[in-house]
Amino acid sequence: MVTVIEVKKNTSESNTNLIRRFSRKVQESGIIQKVKGKRYNERALSKLKVKAGKLKRLTRRKEYERLAKLGKGVVKTKRFGSK
């Protein structure tokens, strides 16, 4: 998507006023908002990856529950940076 914004200088217009008019047109066009919105847009994971991740979490949870029933407490280690 390409949007061209063009501003021509009037005869008695200062450079600062020209820049101000240009920036106003850019803001009104919404180009900056669209770019910022797409900045962190991530692709959706494939169904296979989602399913594999869910299965992995379920098996890990069942293993923790099994160890807890046996009385073998799961030792949680501190992560770096946490207090």
PDB file of N, CA and C in Angstrom:
ATOM      1  N   MET A   1       0.845  -1.172   0.000  1.00  0.00           N
ATOM      2  CA  MET A   1       0.000   0.000   0.000  1.00  0.00           C
ATOM      3  C   MET A   1       0.893   1.239   0.000  1.00  0.00           C
ATOM      4  N   VAL A   2       0.719   2.054  -1.006  1.00  0.00           N
ATOM      5  CA  VAL A   2       1.521   3.263  -1.129  1.00  0.00           C
ATOM      6  C   VAL A   2       0.582   4.461  -1.138  1.00  0.00           C
ATOM      7  N   THR A   3       0.833   5.400  -0.263  1.00  0.00           N
ATOM      8  CA  THR A   3       0.057   6.626  -0.213  1.00  0.00           C
ATOM      9  C   THR A   3       1.016   7.779  -0.433  1.00  0.00           C
ATOM     10  N   VAL A   4       0.723   8.567  -1.428  1.00  0.00           N
ATOM     11  CA  VAL A   4       1.584   9.695  -1.750  1.00  0.00           C
ATOM     12  C   VAL A   4       0.943  10.962  -1.192  1.00  0.00           C
ATOM     13  N   ILE A   5       1.703  11.676  -0.405  1.00  0.00           N
ATOM     14  CA  ILE A   5       1.237  12.947   0.145  1.00  0.00           C
ATOM     15  C   ILE A   5       2.125  14.033  -0.429  1.00  0.00           C
ATOM     16  N   GLU A   6       1.493  14.985  -1.079  1.00  0.00           N
ATOM     17  CA  GLU A   6       2.248  16.043  -1.742  1.00  0.00           C
ATOM     18  C   GLU A   6       1.776  17.392  -1.237  1.00  0.00           C
ATOM     19  N   VAL A   7       2.733  18.254  -0.899  1.00  0.00           N
ATOM     20  CA  VAL A   7       2.427  19.605  -0.437  1.00  0.00           C
ATOM     21  C   VAL A   7       3.295  20.566  -1.226  1.00  0.00           C
ATOM     22  N   LYS A   8       2.668  21.569  -1.831  1.00  0.00           N
ATOM     23  CA  LYS A   8       3.421  22.570  -2.595  1.00  0.00           C
ATOM     24  C   LYS A   8       3.482  23.867  -1.803  1.00  0.00           C
ATOM     25  N   LYS A   9       4.630  24.500  -1.902  1.00  0.00           N
ATOM     26  CA  LYS A   9       4.851  25.728  -1.148  1.00  0.00           C
ATOM     27  C   LYS A   9       4.146  26.903  -1.831  1.00  0.00           C
ATOM     28  N   ASN A  10       3.416  27.656  -1.004  1.00  0.00           N
ATOM     29  CA  ASN A  10       2.772  28.865  -1.515  1.00  0.00           C
ATOM     30  C   ASN A  10       3.809  29.978  -1.646  1.00  0.00           C
ATOM     31  N   THR A  11       3.468  31.034  -2.318  1.00  0.00           N
ATOM     32  CA  THR A  11       4.443  32.089  -2.609  1.00  0.00           C
ATOM     33  C   THR A  11       4.971  32.774  -1.347  1.00  0.00           C
ATOM     34  N   SER A  12       4.111  33.094  -0.419  1.00  0.00           N
ATOM     35  CA  SER A  12       4.558  33.831   0.769  1.00  0.00           C
ATOM     36  C   SER A  12       4.570  32.944   2.016  1.00  0.00           C
ATOM     37  N   GLU A  13       4.796  31.647   1.841  1.00  0.00           N
ATOM     38  CA  GLU A  13       4.755  30.715   2.964  1.00  0.00           C
ATOM     39  C   GLU A  13       6.176  30.396   3.452  1.00  0.00           C
ATOM     40  N   SER A  14       6.339  30.332   4.763  1.00  0.00           N
ATOM     41  CA  SER A  14       7.662  30.010   5.317  1.00  0.00           C
ATOM     42  C   SER A  14       7.873  28.492   5.300  1.00  0.00           C
ATOM     43  N   ASN A  15       9.140  28.105   5.443  1.00  0.00           N
ATOM     44  CA  ASN A  15       9.466  26.676   5.438  1.00  0.00           C
ATOM     45  C   ASN A  15       8.858  25.943   6.632  1.00  0.00           C
ATOM     46  N   THR A  16       8.849  26.588   7.784  1.00  0.00           N
ATOM     47  CA  THR A  16       8.283  25.933   8.972  1.00  0.00           C
ATOM     48  C   THR A  16       6.783  25.695   8.808  1.00  0.00           C
ATOM     49  N   ASN A  17       6.098  26.662   8.187  1.00  0.00           N
ATOM     50  CA  ASN A  17       4.671  26.498   7.952  1.00  0.00           C
ATOM     51  C   ASN A  17       4.416  25.373   6.947  1.00  0.00           C
ATOM     52  N   LEU A  18       5.283  25.230   5.965  1.00  0.00           N
ATOM     53  CA  LEU A  18       5.160  24.155   4.979  1.00  0.00           C
ATOM     54  C   LEU A  18       5.336  22.790   5.652  1.00  0.00           C
ATOM     55  N   ILE A  19       6.329  22.691   6.525  1.00  0.00           N
ATOM     56  CA  ILE A  19       6.552  21.435   7.251  1.00  0.00           C
ATOM     57  C   ILE A  19       5.360  21.124   8.152  1.00  0.00           C
ATOM     58  N   ARG A  20       4.805  22.148   8.782  1.00  0.00           N
ATOM     59  CA  ARG A  20       3.645  21.967   9.647  1.00  0.00           C
ATOM     60  C   ARG A  20       2.443  21.447   8.857  1.00  0.00           C
ATOM     61  N   ARG A  21       2.225  22.012   7.669  1.00  0.00           N
ATOM     62  CA  ARG A  21       1.123  21.551   6.815  1.00  0.00           C
ATOM     63  C   ARG A  21       1.323  20.116   6.369  1.00  0.00           C
ATOM     64  N   PHE A  22       2.569  19.768   6.025  1.00  0.00           N
ATOM     65  CA  PHE A  22       2.878  18.404   5.589  1.00  0.00           C
ATOM     66  C   PHE A  22       2.639  17.401   6.714  1.00  0.00           C
ATOM     67  N   SER A  23       3.142  17.727   7.910  1.00  0.00           N
ATOM     68  CA  SER A  23       2.973  16.789   9.027  1.00  0.00           C
ATOM     69  C   SER A  23       1.499  16.626   9.387  1.00  0.00           C
ATOM     70  N   ARG A  24       0.711  17.676   9.257  1.00  0.00           N
ATOM     71  CA  ARG A  24      -0.719  17.582   9.526  1.00  0.00           C
ATOM     72  C   ARG A  24      -1.397  16.652   8.522  1.00  0.00           C
ATOM     73  N   LYS A  25      -1.012  16.760   7.248  1.00  0.00           N
ATOM     74  CA  LYS A  25      -1.595  15.881   6.227  1.00  0.00           C
ATOM     75  C   LYS A  25      -1.222  14.422   6.470  1.00  0.00           C
ATOM     76  N   VAL A  26       0.021  14.198   6.902  1.00  0.00           N
ATOM     77  CA  VAL A  26       0.457  12.833   7.195  1.00  0.00           C
ATOM     78  C   VAL A  26      -0.356  12.265   8.350  1.00  0.00           C
ATOM     79  N   GLN A  27      -0.579  13.062   9.384  1.00  0.00           N
ATOM     80  CA  GLN A  27      -1.359  12.598  10.525  1.00  0.00           C
ATOM     81  C   GLN A  27      -2.811  12.320  10.122  1.00  0.00           C
ATOM     82  N   GLU A  28      -3.377  13.168   9.298  1.00  0.00           N
ATOM     83  CA  GLU A  28      -4.763  12.983   8.870  1.00  0.00           C
ATOM     84  C   GLU A  28      -4.927  11.746   7.993  1.00  0.00           C
ATOM     85  N   SER A  29      -3.895  11.402   7.236  1.00  0.00           N
ATOM     86  CA  SER A  29      -3.996  10.246   6.350  1.00  0.00           C
ATOM     87  C   SER A  29      -3.999   8.926   7.125  1.00  0.00           C
ATOM     88  N   GLY A  30      -3.428   8.905   8.332  1.00  0.00           N
ATOM     89  CA  GLY A  30      -3.423   7.701   9.164  1.00  0.00           C
ATOM     90  C   GLY A  30      -2.310   6.727   8.835  1.00  0.00           C
ATOM     91  N   ILE A  31      -1.313   7.163   8.086  1.00  0.00           N
ATOM     92  CA  ILE A  31      -0.206   6.282   7.703  1.00  0.00           C
ATOM     93  C   ILE A  31       0.569   5.831   8.940  1.00  0.00           C
ATOM     94  N   ILE A  32       0.858   6.760   9.832  1.00  0.00           N
ATOM     95  CA  ILE A  32       1.677   6.437  11.003  1.00  0.00           C
ATOM     96  C   ILE A  32       0.966   5.424  11.891  1.00  0.00           C
ATOM     97  N   GLN A  33      -0.354   5.574  12.079  1.00  0.00           N
ATOM     98  CA  GLN A  33      -1.096   4.637  12.915  1.00  0.00           C
ATOM     99  C   GLN A  33      -1.076   3.240  12.311  1.00  0.00           C
ATOM    100  N   LYS A  34      -1.187   3.141  10.986  1.00  0.00           N
ATOM    101  CA  LYS A  34      -1.169   1.833  10.330  1.00  0.00           C
ATOM    102  C   LYS A  34       0.188   1.161  10.494  1.00  0.00           C
ATOM    103  N   VAL A  35       1.249   1.930  10.333  1.00  0.00           N
ATOM    104  CA  VAL A  35       2.600   1.369  10.456  1.00  0.00           C
ATOM    105  C   VAL A  35       2.857   0.913  11.886  1.00  0.00           C
ATOM    106  N   LYS A  36       2.465   1.731  12.860  1.00  0.00           N
ATOM    107  CA  LYS A  36       2.663   1.347  14.255  1.00  0.00           C
ATOM    108  C   LYS A  36       1.826   0.122  14.611  1.00  0.00           C
ATOM    109  N   GLY A  37       0.647   0.000  14.017  1.00  0.00           N
ATOM    110  CA  GLY A  37      -0.194  -1.157  14.280  1.00  0.00           C
ATOM    111  C   GLY A  37       0.399  -2.434  13.726  1.00  0.00           C
ATOM    112  N   LYS A  38       1.069  -2.363  12.580  1.00  0.00           N
ATOM    113  CA  LYS A  38       1.654  -3.547  11.962  1.00  0.00           C
ATOM    114  C   LYS A  38       3.039  -3.865  12.505  1.00  0.00           C
ATOM    115  N   ARG A  39       3.579  -2.979  13.324  1.00  0.00           N
ATOM    116  CA  ARG A  39       4.951  -3.110  13.794  1.00  0.00           C
ATOM    117  C   ARG A  39       5.199  -4.425  14.523  1.00  0.00           C
ATOM    118  N   TYR A  40       4.304  -4.800  15.420  1.00  0.00           N
ATOM    119  CA  TYR A  40       4.495  -5.995  16.229  1.00  0.00           C
ATOM    120  C   TYR A  40       3.544  -7.116  15.820  1.00  0.00           C
ATOM    121  N   ASN A  41       3.016  -7.031  14.644  1.00  0.00           N
ATOM    122  CA  ASN A  41       2.086  -8.054  14.174  1.00  0.00           C
ATOM    123  C   ASN A  41       2.846  -9.358  13.924  1.00  0.00           C
ATOM    124  N   GLU A  42       2.369 -10.430  14.518  1.00  0.00           N
ATOM    125  CA  GLU A  42       3.014 -11.723  14.346  1.00  0.00           C
ATOM    126  C   GLU A  42       2.078 -12.648  13.580  1.00  0.00           C
ATOM    127  N   ARG A  43       2.672 -13.527  12.830  1.00  0.00           N
ATOM    128  CA  ARG A  43       1.876 -14.509  12.106  1.00  0.00           C
ATOM    129  C   ARG A  43       1.269 -15.497  13.084  1.00  0.00           C
ATOM    130  N   ALA A  44       0.105 -16.002  12.736  1.00  0.00           N
ATOM    131  CA  ALA A  44      -0.543 -17.005  13.572  1.00  0.00           C
ATOM    132  C   ALA A  44       0.206 -18.325  13.429  1.00  0.00           C
ATOM    133  N   LEU A  45       0.299 -19.066  14.538  1.00  0.00           N
ATOM    134  CA  LEU A  45       0.966 -20.356  14.499  1.00  0.00           C
ATOM    135  C   LEU A  45       0.111 -21.345  13.713  1.00  0.00           C
ATOM    136  N   SER A  46       0.775 -22.320  13.115  1.00  0.00           N
ATOM    137  CA  SER A  46       0.033 -23.340  12.387  1.00  0.00           C
ATOM    138  C   SER A  46      -0.729 -24.208  13.379  1.00  0.00           C
ATOM    139  N   LYS A  47      -1.769 -24.870  12.904  1.00  0.00           N
ATOM    140  CA  LYS A  47      -2.585 -25.709  13.775  1.00  0.00           C
ATOM    141  C   LYS A  47      -1.760 -26.840  14.369  1.00  0.00           C
ATOM    142  N   LEU A  48      -0.808 -27.340  13.603  1.00  0.00           N
ATOM    143  CA  LEU A  48       0.038 -28.427  14.083  1.00  0.00           C
ATOM    144  C   LEU A  48       0.904 -27.987  15.262  1.00  0.00           C
ATOM    145  N   LYS A  49       1.461 -26.782  15.183  1.00  0.00           N
ATOM    146  CA  LYS A  49       2.299 -26.278  16.277  1.00  0.00           C
ATOM    147  C   LYS A  49       1.457 -25.999  17.527  1.00  0.00           C
ATOM    148  N   VAL A  50       0.261 -25.469  17.333  1.00  0.00           N
ATOM    149  CA  VAL A  50      -0.619 -25.193  18.465  1.00  0.00           C
ATOM    150  C   VAL A  50      -0.969 -26.494  19.166  1.00  0.00           C
ATOM    151  N   LYS A  51      -1.311 -27.508  18.382  1.00  0.00           N
ATOM    152  CA  LYS A  51      -1.689 -28.805  18.930  1.00  0.00           C
ATOM    153  C   LYS A  51      -0.517 -29.447  19.674  1.00  0.00           C
ATOM    154  N   ALA A  52       0.688 -29.379  19.085  1.00  0.00           N
ATOM    155  CA  ALA A  52       1.864 -29.961  19.722  1.00  0.00           C
ATOM    156  C   ALA A  52       2.168 -29.264  21.046  1.00  0.00           C
ATOM    157  N   GLY A  53       2.035 -27.963  21.083  1.00  0.00           N
ATOM    158  CA  GLY A  53       2.277 -27.215  22.312  1.00  0.00           C
ATOM    159  C   GLY A  53       1.274 -27.568  23.395  1.00  0.00           C
ATOM    160  N   LYS A  54       0.022 -27.717  23.002  1.00  0.00           N
ATOM    161  CA  LYS A  54      -1.010 -28.068  23.967  1.00  0.00           C
ATOM    162  C   LYS A  54      -0.767 -29.463  24.540  1.00  0.00           C
ATOM    163  N   LEU A  55      -0.409 -30.417  23.677  1.00  0.00           N
ATOM    164  CA  LEU A  55      -0.114 -31.773  24.136  1.00  0.00           C
ATOM    165  C   LEU A  55       1.080 -31.782  25.091  1.00  0.00           C
ATOM    166  N   LYS A  56       2.078 -30.984  24.781  1.00  0.00           N
ATOM    167  CA  LYS A  56       3.261 -30.903  25.633  1.00  0.00           C
ATOM    168  C   LYS A  56       2.898 -30.362  27.016  1.00  0.00           C
ATOM    169  N   ARG A  57       2.069 -29.319  27.059  1.00  0.00           N
ATOM    170  CA  ARG A  57       1.642 -28.759  28.336  1.00  0.00           C
ATOM    171  C   ARG A  57       0.820 -29.762  29.133  1.00  0.00           C
ATOM    172  N   LEU A  58      -0.079 -30.487  28.452  1.00  0.00           N
ATOM    173  CA  LEU A  58      -0.905 -31.474  29.137  1.00  0.00           C
ATOM    174  C   LEU A  58      -0.071 -32.600  29.733  1.00  0.00           C
ATOM    175  N   THR A  59       0.901 -33.117  28.974  1.00  0.00           N
ATOM    176  CA  THR A  59       1.742 -34.198  29.498  1.00  0.00           C
ATOM    177  C   THR A  59       2.591 -33.707  30.663  1.00  0.00           C
ATOM    178  N   ARG A  60       3.093 -32.488  30.573  1.00  0.00           N
ATOM    179  CA  ARG A  60       3.889 -31.932  31.664  1.00  0.00           C
ATOM    180  C   ARG A  60       3.037 -31.782  32.920  1.00  0.00           C
ATOM    181  N   ARG A  61       1.793 -31.325  32.774  1.00  0.00           N
ATOM    182  CA  ARG A  61       0.899 -31.153  33.912  1.00  0.00           C
ATOM    183  C   ARG A  61       0.579 -32.502  34.551  1.00  0.00           C
ATOM    184  N   LYS A  62       0.318 -33.513  33.723  1.00  0.00           N
ATOM    185  CA  LYS A  62       0.028 -34.844  34.259  1.00  0.00           C
ATOM    186  C   LYS A  62       1.225 -35.404  35.012  1.00  0.00           C
ATOM    187  N   GLU A  63       2.423 -35.160  34.509  1.00  0.00           N
ATOM    188  CA  GLU A  63       3.630 -35.632  35.169  1.00  0.00           C
ATOM    189  C   GLU A  63       3.806 -34.956  36.530  1.00  0.00           C
ATOM    190  N   TYR A  64       3.537 -33.655  36.626  1.00  0.00           N
ATOM    191  CA  TYR A  64       3.616 -32.947  37.895  1.00  0.00           C
ATOM    192  C   TYR A  64       2.599 -33.515  38.888  1.00  0.00           C
ATOM    193  N   GLU A  65       1.376 -33.766  38.400  1.00  0.00           N
ATOM    194  CA  GLU A  65       0.339 -34.317  39.269  1.00  0.00           C
ATOM    195  C   GLU A  65       0.734 -35.709  39.761  1.00  0.00           C
ATOM    196  N   ARG A  66       1.311 -36.521  38.884  1.00  0.00           N
ATOM    197  CA  ARG A  66       1.731 -37.865  39.261  1.00  0.00           C
ATOM    198  C   ARG A  66       2.825 -37.811  40.321  1.00  0.00           C
ATOM    199  N   LEU A  67       3.792 -36.923  40.141  1.00  0.00           N
ATOM    200  CA  LEU A  67       4.860 -36.776  41.131  1.00  0.00           C
ATOM    201  C   LEU A  67       4.330 -36.263  42.467  1.00  0.00           C
ATOM    202  N   ALA A  68       3.341 -35.376  42.416  1.00  0.00           N
ATOM    203  CA  ALA A  68       2.757 -34.843  43.645  1.00  0.00           C
ATOM    204  C   ALA A  68       2.036 -35.944  44.404  1.00  0.00           C
ATOM    205  N   LYS A  69       1.334 -36.854  43.696  1.00  0.00           N
ATOM    206  CA  LYS A  69       0.632 -37.969  44.349  1.00  0.00           C
ATOM    207  C   LYS A  69       1.622 -38.934  44.992  1.00  0.00           C
ATOM    208  N   LEU A  70       2.780 -39.101  44.377  1.00  0.00           N
ATOM    209  CA  LEU A  70       3.795 -39.995  44.932  1.00  0.00           C
ATOM    210  C   LEU A  70       4.547 -39.371  46.097  1.00  0.00           C
ATOM    211  N   GLY A  71       4.317 -38.082  46.326  1.00  0.00           N
ATOM    212  CA  GLY A  71       4.991 -37.410  47.423  1.00  0.00           C
ATOM    213  C   GLY A  71       6.354 -36.873  47.054  1.00  0.00           C
ATOM    214  N   LYS A  72       6.667 -36.929  45.804  1.00  0.00           N
ATOM    215  CA  LYS A  72       7.944 -36.379  45.342  1.00  0.00           C
ATOM    216  C   LYS A  72       7.680 -34.946  44.897  1.00  0.00           C
ATOM    217  N   GLY A  73       7.864 -34.025  45.827  1.00  0.00           N
ATOM    218  CA  GLY A  73       7.556 -32.631  45.544  1.00  0.00           C
ATOM    219  C   GLY A  73       8.375 -32.097  44.394  1.00  0.00           C
ATOM    220  N   VAL A  74       7.736 -31.331  43.595  1.00  0.00           N
ATOM    221  CA  VAL A  74       8.410 -30.718  42.461  1.00  0.00           C
ATOM    222  C   VAL A  74       9.150 -29.491  42.970  1.00  0.00           C
ATOM    223  N   VAL A  75      10.428 -29.452  42.751  1.00  0.00           N
ATOM    224  CA  VAL A  75      11.242 -28.337  43.210  1.00  0.00           C
ATOM    225  C   VAL A  75      11.207 -27.258  42.141  1.00  0.00           C
ATOM    226  N   LYS A  76      10.750 -26.091  42.559  1.00  0.00           N
ATOM    227  CA  LYS A  76      10.719 -24.972  41.614  1.00  0.00           C
ATOM    228  C   LYS A  76      11.988 -24.177  41.802  1.00  0.00           C
ATOM    229  N   THR A  77      12.669 -23.931  40.741  1.00  0.00           N
ATOM    230  CA  THR A  77      13.898 -23.164  40.809  1.00  0.00           C
ATOM    231  C   THR A  77      13.582 -21.704  40.558  1.00  0.00           C
ATOM    232  N   LYS A  78      14.372 -20.858  41.194  1.00  0.00           N
ATOM    233  CA  LYS A  78      14.184 -19.416  40.970  1.00  0.00           C
ATOM    234  C   LYS A  78      14.748 -19.040  39.624  1.00  0.00           C
ATOM    235  N   ARG A  79      14.047 -18.197  38.974  1.00  0.00           N
ATOM    236  CA  ARG A  79      14.542 -17.683  37.700  1.00  0.00           C
ATOM    237  C   ARG A  79      15.426 -16.484  37.968  1.00  0.00           C
ATOM    238  N   PHE A  80      16.322 -16.253  37.067  1.00  0.00           N
ATOM    239  CA  PHE A  80      17.211 -15.111  37.218  1.00  0.00           C
ATOM    240  C   PHE A  80      16.407 -13.827  37.130  1.00  0.00           C
ATOM    241  N   GLY A  81      16.692 -12.917  38.018  1.00  0.00           N
ATOM    242  CA  GLY A  81      16.027 -11.624  37.986  1.00  0.00           C
ATOM    243  C   GLY A  81      14.826 -11.553  38.891  1.00  0.00           C
ATOM    244  N   SER A  82      14.276 -12.678  39.330  1.00  0.00           N
ATOM    245  CA  SER A  82      13.124 -12.627  40.230  1.00  0.00           C
ATOM    246  C   SER A  82      13.605 -12.649  41.665  1.00  0.00           C
ATOM    247  N   LYS A  83      12.802 -12.079  42.536  1.00  0.00           N
ATOM    248  CA  LYS A  83      13.204 -11.984  43.943  1.00  0.00           C
ATOM    249  C   LYS A  83      12.288 -12.817  44.793  1.00  0.00           C
TER     250      LYS A  83
END
